[in-house]
Amino acid sequence: MYFCRTYALPVKIGNGCWIDGGVIILPGVNIGDGTVIGAGSVVTKDIPANCVAVGNPCRVIRKINGE
């Protein structure tokens, strides 16, 4: 017999974030304020504030807003 174990954890998205289309955010991930997540990204871990992150798995490619 096959059992599928699933779990649900809260996802926290900061103020002023821009999440493009087709993004998948896994359970328990935190996305910081003012962050941009590129289209089609798979967010598997926390993303800091004020940065641009893209890819599968999603990675920070640069900081924004003068940081």
PDB file of N, CA and C in Angstrom:
ATOM      1  N   MET A   1       0.838  -1.167   0.000  1.00  0.00           N
ATOM      2  CA  MET A   1       0.000   0.000   0.000  1.00  0.00           C
ATOM      3  C   MET A   1       0.892   1.241   0.000  1.00  0.00           C
ATOM      4  N   TYR A   2       0.520   2.225  -0.792  1.00  0.00           N
ATOM      5  CA  TYR A   2       1.312   3.448  -0.952  1.00  0.00           C
ATOM      6  C   TYR A   2       0.679   4.587  -0.165  1.00  0.00           C
ATOM      7  N   PHE A   3       1.479   5.288   0.627  1.00  0.00           N
ATOM      8  CA  PHE A   3       1.007   6.450   1.370  1.00  0.00           C
ATOM      9  C   PHE A   3       1.784   7.674   0.908  1.00  0.00           C
ATOM     10  N   CYS A   4       1.073   8.721   0.622  1.00  0.00           N
ATOM     11  CA  CYS A   4       1.703   9.974   0.227  1.00  0.00           C
ATOM     12  C   CYS A   4       1.650  10.930   1.412  1.00  0.00           C
ATOM     13  N   ARG A   5       2.798  11.279   1.936  1.00  0.00           N
ATOM     14  CA  ARG A   5       2.855  12.190   3.072  1.00  0.00           C
ATOM     15  C   ARG A   5       3.036  13.612   2.555  1.00  0.00           C
ATOM     16  N   THR A   6       2.097  14.452   2.898  1.00  0.00           N
ATOM     17  CA  THR A   6       2.177  15.854   2.521  1.00  0.00           C
ATOM     18  C   THR A   6       2.127  16.706   3.779  1.00  0.00           C
ATOM     19  N   TYR A   7       2.573  17.924   3.673  1.00  0.00           N
ATOM     20  CA  TYR A   7       2.544  18.828   4.811  1.00  0.00           C
ATOM     21  C   TYR A   7       2.278  20.241   4.326  1.00  0.00           C
ATOM     22  N   ALA A   8       1.749  21.043   5.210  1.00  0.00           N
ATOM     23  CA  ALA A   8       1.470  22.443   4.887  1.00  0.00           C
ATOM     24  C   ALA A   8       2.147  23.327   5.928  1.00  0.00           C
ATOM     25  N   LEU A   9       2.935  24.265   5.465  1.00  0.00           N
ATOM     26  CA  LEU A   9       3.581  25.252   6.318  1.00  0.00           C
ATOM     27  C   LEU A   9       3.247  26.632   5.754  1.00  0.00           C
ATOM     28  N   PRO A  10       3.201  27.643   6.595  1.00  0.00           N
ATOM     29  CA  PRO A  10       2.871  28.979   6.085  1.00  0.00           C
ATOM     30  C   PRO A  10       3.981  29.549   5.204  1.00  0.00           C
ATOM     31  N   VAL A  11       3.573  30.300   4.193  1.00  0.00           N
ATOM     32  CA  VAL A  11       4.484  31.029   3.322  1.00  0.00           C
ATOM     33  C   VAL A  11       4.360  32.501   3.692  1.00  0.00           C
ATOM     34  N   LYS A  12       5.481  33.168   3.931  1.00  0.00           N
ATOM     35  CA  LYS A  12       5.464  34.588   4.301  1.00  0.00           C
ATOM     36  C   LYS A  12       6.035  35.404   3.151  1.00  0.00           C
ATOM     37  N   ILE A  13       5.231  36.344   2.653  1.00  0.00           N
ATOM     38  CA  ILE A  13       5.638  37.212   1.552  1.00  0.00           C
ATOM     39  C   ILE A  13       5.644  38.644   2.072  1.00  0.00           C
ATOM     40  N   GLY A  14       6.783  39.316   1.962  1.00  0.00           N
ATOM     41  CA  GLY A  14       6.943  40.664   2.487  1.00  0.00           C
ATOM     42  C   GLY A  14       6.188  41.713   1.695  1.00  0.00           C
ATOM     43  N   ASN A  15       6.202  42.928   2.198  1.00  0.00           N
ATOM     44  CA  ASN A  15       5.539  44.065   1.552  1.00  0.00           C
ATOM     45  C   ASN A  15       6.272  44.478   0.286  1.00  0.00           C
ATOM     46  N   GLY A  16       5.508  44.844  -0.735  1.00  0.00           N
ATOM     47  CA  GLY A  16       6.086  45.381  -1.959  1.00  0.00           C
ATOM     48  C   GLY A  16       6.787  44.356  -2.829  1.00  0.00           C
ATOM     49  N   CYS A  17       6.485  43.085  -2.678  1.00  0.00           N
ATOM     50  CA  CYS A  17       7.101  42.046  -3.513  1.00  0.00           C
ATOM     51  C   CYS A  17       6.415  41.979  -4.866  1.00  0.00           C
ATOM     52  N   TRP A  18       7.169  41.540  -5.860  1.00  0.00           N
ATOM     53  CA  TRP A  18       6.618  41.316  -7.186  1.00  0.00           C
ATOM     54  C   TRP A  18       6.925  39.868  -7.535  1.00  0.00           C
ATOM     55  N   ILE A  19       5.865  39.071  -7.673  1.00  0.00           N
ATOM     56  CA  ILE A  19       6.013  37.650  -8.001  1.00  0.00           C
ATOM     57  C   ILE A  19       5.424  37.449  -9.383  1.00  0.00           C
ATOM     58  N   ASP A  20       6.282  37.161 -10.368  1.00  0.00           N
ATOM     59  CA  ASP A  20       5.852  36.992 -11.754  1.00  0.00           C
ATOM     60  C   ASP A  20       5.029  35.719 -11.927  1.00  0.00           C
ATOM     61  N   GLY A  21       4.496  35.532 -13.113  1.00  0.00           N
ATOM     62  CA  GLY A  21       3.626  34.398 -13.414  1.00  0.00           C
ATOM     63  C   GLY A  21       4.329  33.055 -13.375  1.00  0.00           C
ATOM     64  N   GLY A  22       3.591  32.030 -13.003  1.00  0.00           N
ATOM     65  CA  GLY A  22       4.085  30.660 -13.032  1.00  0.00           C
ATOM     66  C   GLY A  22       5.066  30.308 -11.941  1.00  0.00           C
ATOM     67  N   VAL A  23       5.177  31.131 -10.915  1.00  0.00           N
ATOM     68  CA  VAL A  23       6.119  30.865  -9.825  1.00  0.00           C
ATOM     69  C   VAL A  23       5.522  29.819  -8.884  1.00  0.00           C
ATOM     70  N   ILE A  24       6.361  28.884  -8.455  1.00  0.00           N
ATOM     71  CA  ILE A  24       5.967  27.879  -7.463  1.00  0.00           C
ATOM     72  C   ILE A  24       6.726  28.178  -6.183  1.00  0.00           C
ATOM     73  N   ILE A  25       5.988  28.338  -5.087  1.00  0.00           N
ATOM     74  CA  ILE A  25       6.595  28.622  -3.784  1.00  0.00           C
ATOM     75  C   ILE A  25       6.317  27.437  -2.878  1.00  0.00           C
ATOM     76  N   LEU A  26       7.374  26.782  -2.409  1.00  0.00           N
ATOM     77  CA  LEU A  26       7.221  25.610  -1.558  1.00  0.00           C
ATOM     78  C   LEU A  26       6.838  26.000  -0.138  1.00  0.00           C
ATOM     79  N   PRO A  27       6.259  25.071   0.620  1.00  0.00           N
ATOM     80  CA  PRO A  27       5.823  25.367   1.990  1.00  0.00           C
ATOM     81  C   PRO A  27       6.964  25.822   2.895  1.00  0.00           C
ATOM     82  N   GLY A  28       6.689  26.788   3.769  1.00  0.00           N
ATOM     83  CA  GLY A  28       7.645  27.244   4.763  1.00  0.00           C
ATOM     84  C   GLY A  28       8.640  28.275   4.307  1.00  0.00           C
ATOM     85  N   VAL A  29       8.510  28.781   3.080  1.00  0.00           N
ATOM     86  CA  VAL A  29       9.470  29.734   2.531  1.00  0.00           C
ATOM     87  C   VAL A  29       9.085  31.158   2.938  1.00  0.00           C
ATOM     88  N   ASN A  30      10.099  31.979   3.231  1.00  0.00           N
ATOM     89  CA  ASN A  30       9.917  33.401   3.536  1.00  0.00           C
ATOM     90  C   ASN A  30      10.547  34.226   2.424  1.00  0.00           C
ATOM     91  N   ILE A  31       9.795  35.209   1.924  1.00  0.00           N
ATOM     92  CA  ILE A  31      10.292  36.111   0.890  1.00  0.00           C
ATOM     93  C   ILE A  31      10.320  37.515   1.487  1.00  0.00           C
ATOM     94  N   GLY A  32      11.478  38.159   1.468  1.00  0.00           N
ATOM     95  CA  GLY A  32      11.666  39.462   2.105  1.00  0.00           C
ATOM     96  C   GLY A  32      10.969  40.596   1.381  1.00  0.00           C
ATOM     97  N   ASP A  33      10.879  41.750   2.056  1.00  0.00           N
ATOM     98  CA  ASP A  33      10.239  42.951   1.513  1.00  0.00           C
ATOM     99  C   ASP A  33      10.935  43.417   0.234  1.00  0.00           C
ATOM    100  N   GLY A  34      10.135  43.865  -0.748  1.00  0.00           N
ATOM    101  CA  GLY A  34      10.672  44.474  -1.960  1.00  0.00           C
ATOM    102  C   GLY A  34      11.410  43.539  -2.889  1.00  0.00           C
ATOM    103  N   THR A  35      11.185  42.258  -2.783  1.00  0.00           N
ATOM    104  CA  THR A  35      11.883  41.275  -3.608  1.00  0.00           C
ATOM    105  C   THR A  35      11.123  41.008  -4.895  1.00  0.00           C
ATOM    106  N   VAL A  36      11.855  40.758  -5.982  1.00  0.00           N
ATOM    107  CA  VAL A  36      11.263  40.391  -7.264  1.00  0.00           C
ATOM    108  C   VAL A  36      11.631  38.936  -7.549  1.00  0.00           C
ATOM    109  N   ILE A  37      10.594  38.115  -7.804  1.00  0.00           N
ATOM    110  CA  ILE A  37      10.806  36.706  -8.156  1.00  0.00           C
ATOM    111  C   ILE A  37      10.460  36.556  -9.634  1.00  0.00           C
ATOM    112  N   GLY A  38      11.406  36.094 -10.447  1.00  0.00           N
ATOM    113  CA  GLY A  38      11.226  35.981 -11.886  1.00  0.00           C
ATOM    114  C   GLY A  38      10.245  34.895 -12.287  1.00  0.00           C
ATOM    115  N   ALA A  39       9.666  35.039 -13.477  1.00  0.00           N
ATOM    116  CA  ALA A  39       8.653  34.125 -13.985  1.00  0.00           C
ATOM    117  C   ALA A  39       9.167  32.687 -14.064  1.00  0.00           C
ATOM    118  N   GLY A  40       8.314  31.751 -13.652  1.00  0.00           N
ATOM    119  CA  GLY A  40       8.633  30.340 -13.746  1.00  0.00           C
ATOM    120  C   GLY A  40       9.592  29.822 -12.702  1.00  0.00           C
ATOM    121  N   SER A  41       9.957  30.625 -11.735  1.00  0.00           N
ATOM    122  CA  SER A  41      10.905  30.210 -10.701  1.00  0.00           C
ATOM    123  C   SER A  41      10.265  29.218  -9.731  1.00  0.00           C
ATOM    124  N   VAL A  42      11.102  28.372  -9.139  1.00  0.00           N
ATOM    125  CA  VAL A  42      10.666  27.454  -8.093  1.00  0.00           C
ATOM    126  C   VAL A  42      11.419  27.848  -6.831  1.00  0.00           C
ATOM    127  N   VAL A  43      10.701  28.468  -5.884  1.00  0.00           N
ATOM    128  CA  VAL A  43      11.316  29.000  -4.668  1.00  0.00           C
ATOM    129  C   VAL A  43      11.360  27.880  -3.631  1.00  0.00           C
ATOM    130  N   THR A  44      12.571  27.388  -3.352  1.00  0.00           N
ATOM    131  CA  THR A  44      12.745  26.255  -2.446  1.00  0.00           C
ATOM    132  C   THR A  44      13.302  26.645  -1.085  1.00  0.00           C
ATOM    133  N   LYS A  45      13.839  27.871  -0.966  1.00  0.00           N
ATOM    134  CA  LYS A  45      14.396  28.331   0.311  1.00  0.00           C
ATOM    135  C   LYS A  45      14.136  29.823   0.463  1.00  0.00           C
ATOM    136  N   ASP A  46      14.414  30.356   1.642  1.00  0.00           N
ATOM    137  CA  ASP A  46      14.154  31.762   1.936  1.00  0.00           C
ATOM    138  C   ASP A  46      14.930  32.685   1.003  1.00  0.00           C
ATOM    139  N   ILE A  47      14.270  33.795   0.622  1.00  0.00           N
ATOM    140  CA  ILE A  47      14.878  34.808  -0.236  1.00  0.00           C
ATOM    141  C   ILE A  47      14.942  36.106   0.571  1.00  0.00           C
ATOM    142  N   PRO A  48      16.116  36.753   0.656  1.00  0.00           N
ATOM    143  CA  PRO A  48      16.241  37.979   1.462  1.00  0.00           C
ATOM    144  C   PRO A  48      15.507  39.160   0.835  1.00  0.00           C
ATOM    145  N   ALA A  49      15.419  40.242   1.587  1.00  0.00           N
ATOM    146  CA  ALA A  49      14.732  41.456   1.134  1.00  0.00           C
ATOM    147  C   ALA A  49      15.539  42.187   0.074  1.00  0.00           C
ATOM    148  N   ASN A  50      14.833  42.943  -0.772  1.00  0.00           N
ATOM    149  CA  ASN A  50      15.423  43.846  -1.767  1.00  0.00           C
ATOM    150  C   ASN A  50      16.425  43.175  -2.691  1.00  0.00           C
ATOM    151  N   CYS A  51      15.963  42.148  -3.388  1.00  0.00           N
ATOM    152  CA  CYS A  51      16.823  41.482  -4.360  1.00  0.00           C
ATOM    153  C   CYS A  51      15.980  40.939  -5.506  1.00  0.00           C
ATOM    154  N   VAL A  52      16.657  40.525  -6.571  1.00  0.00           N
ATOM    155  CA  VAL A  52      16.018  39.863  -7.709  1.00  0.00           C
ATOM    156  C   VAL A  52      16.465  38.419  -7.671  1.00  0.00           C
ATOM    157  N   ALA A  53      15.501  37.492  -7.736  1.00  0.00           N
ATOM    158  CA  ALA A  53      15.804  36.066  -7.684  1.00  0.00           C
ATOM    159  C   ALA A  53      15.062  35.344  -8.800  1.00  0.00           C
ATOM    160  N   VAL A  54      15.746  34.426  -9.482  1.00  0.00           N
ATOM    161  CA  VAL A  54      15.153  33.685 -10.595  1.00  0.00           C
ATOM    162  C   VAL A  54      15.690  32.265 -10.629  1.00  0.00           C
ATOM    163  N   GLY A  55      15.025  31.405 -11.376  1.00  0.00           N
ATOM    164  CA  GLY A  55      15.553  30.086 -11.693  1.00  0.00           C
ATOM    165  C   GLY A  55      14.870  28.941 -10.994  1.00  0.00           C
ATOM    166  N   ASN A  56      15.366  27.746 -11.324  1.00  0.00           N
ATOM    167  CA  ASN A  56      14.885  26.506 -10.734  1.00  0.00           C
ATOM    168  C   ASN A  56      16.095  25.686 -10.310  1.00  0.00           C
ATOM    169  N   PRO A  57      16.442  25.687  -9.033  1.00  0.00           N
ATOM    170  CA  PRO A  57      15.804  26.376  -7.914  1.00  0.00           C
ATOM    171  C   PRO A  57      16.105  27.866  -7.949  1.00  0.00           C
ATOM    172  N   CYS A  58      15.232  28.643  -7.333  1.00  0.00           N
ATOM    173  CA  CYS A  58      15.336  30.104  -7.336  1.00  0.00           C
ATOM    174  C   CYS A  58      16.587  30.559  -6.580  1.00  0.00           C
ATOM    175  N   ARG A  59      17.372  31.438  -7.218  1.00  0.00           N
ATOM    176  CA  ARG A  59      18.599  31.963  -6.615  1.00  0.00           C
ATOM    177  C   ARG A  59      18.649  33.472  -6.779  1.00  0.00           C
ATOM    178  N   VAL A  60      19.263  34.141  -5.814  1.00  0.00           N
ATOM    179  CA  VAL A  60      19.428  35.596  -5.878  1.00  0.00           C
ATOM    180  C   VAL A  60      20.476  35.912  -6.926  1.00  0.00           C
ATOM    181  N   ILE A  61      20.111  36.828  -7.873  1.00  0.00           N
ATOM    182  CA  ILE A  61      21.093  37.207  -8.884  1.00  0.00           C
ATOM    183  C   ILE A  61      21.672  38.598  -8.645  1.00  0.00           C
ATOM    184  N   ARG A  62      20.917  39.461  -7.937  1.00  0.00           N
ATOM    185  CA  ARG A  62      21.468  40.767  -7.583  1.00  0.00           C
ATOM    186  C   ARG A  62      20.583  41.456  -6.551  1.00  0.00           C
ATOM    187  N   LYS A  63      21.178  42.441  -5.866  1.00  0.00           N
ATOM    188  CA  LYS A  63      20.454  43.286  -4.916  1.00  0.00           C
ATOM    189  C   LYS A  63      19.844  44.456  -5.673  1.00  0.00           C
ATOM    190  N   ILE A  64      18.775  45.047  -5.132  1.00  0.00           N
ATOM    191  CA  ILE A  64      18.145  46.204  -5.748  1.00  0.00           C
ATOM    192  C   ILE A  64      17.941  47.297  -4.707  1.00  0.00           C
ATOM    193  N   ASN A  65      17.458  48.448  -5.156  1.00  0.00           N
ATOM    194  CA  ASN A  65      17.167  49.598  -4.306  1.00  0.00           C
ATOM    195  C   ASN A  65      18.398  50.161  -3.613  1.00  0.00           C
ATOM    196  N   GLY A  66      19.519  50.202  -4.318  1.00  0.00           N
ATOM    197  CA  GLY A  66      20.715  50.836  -3.802  1.00  0.00           C
ATOM    198  C   GLY A  66      21.446  50.094  -2.732  1.00  0.00           C
ATOM    199  N   GLU A  67      21.163  48.815  -2.557  1.00  0.00           N
ATOM    200  CA  GLU A  67      21.891  48.046  -1.531  1.00  0.00           C
ATOM    201  C   GLU A  67      23.055  47.313  -2.150  1.00  0.00           C
TER     202      GLU A  67
END
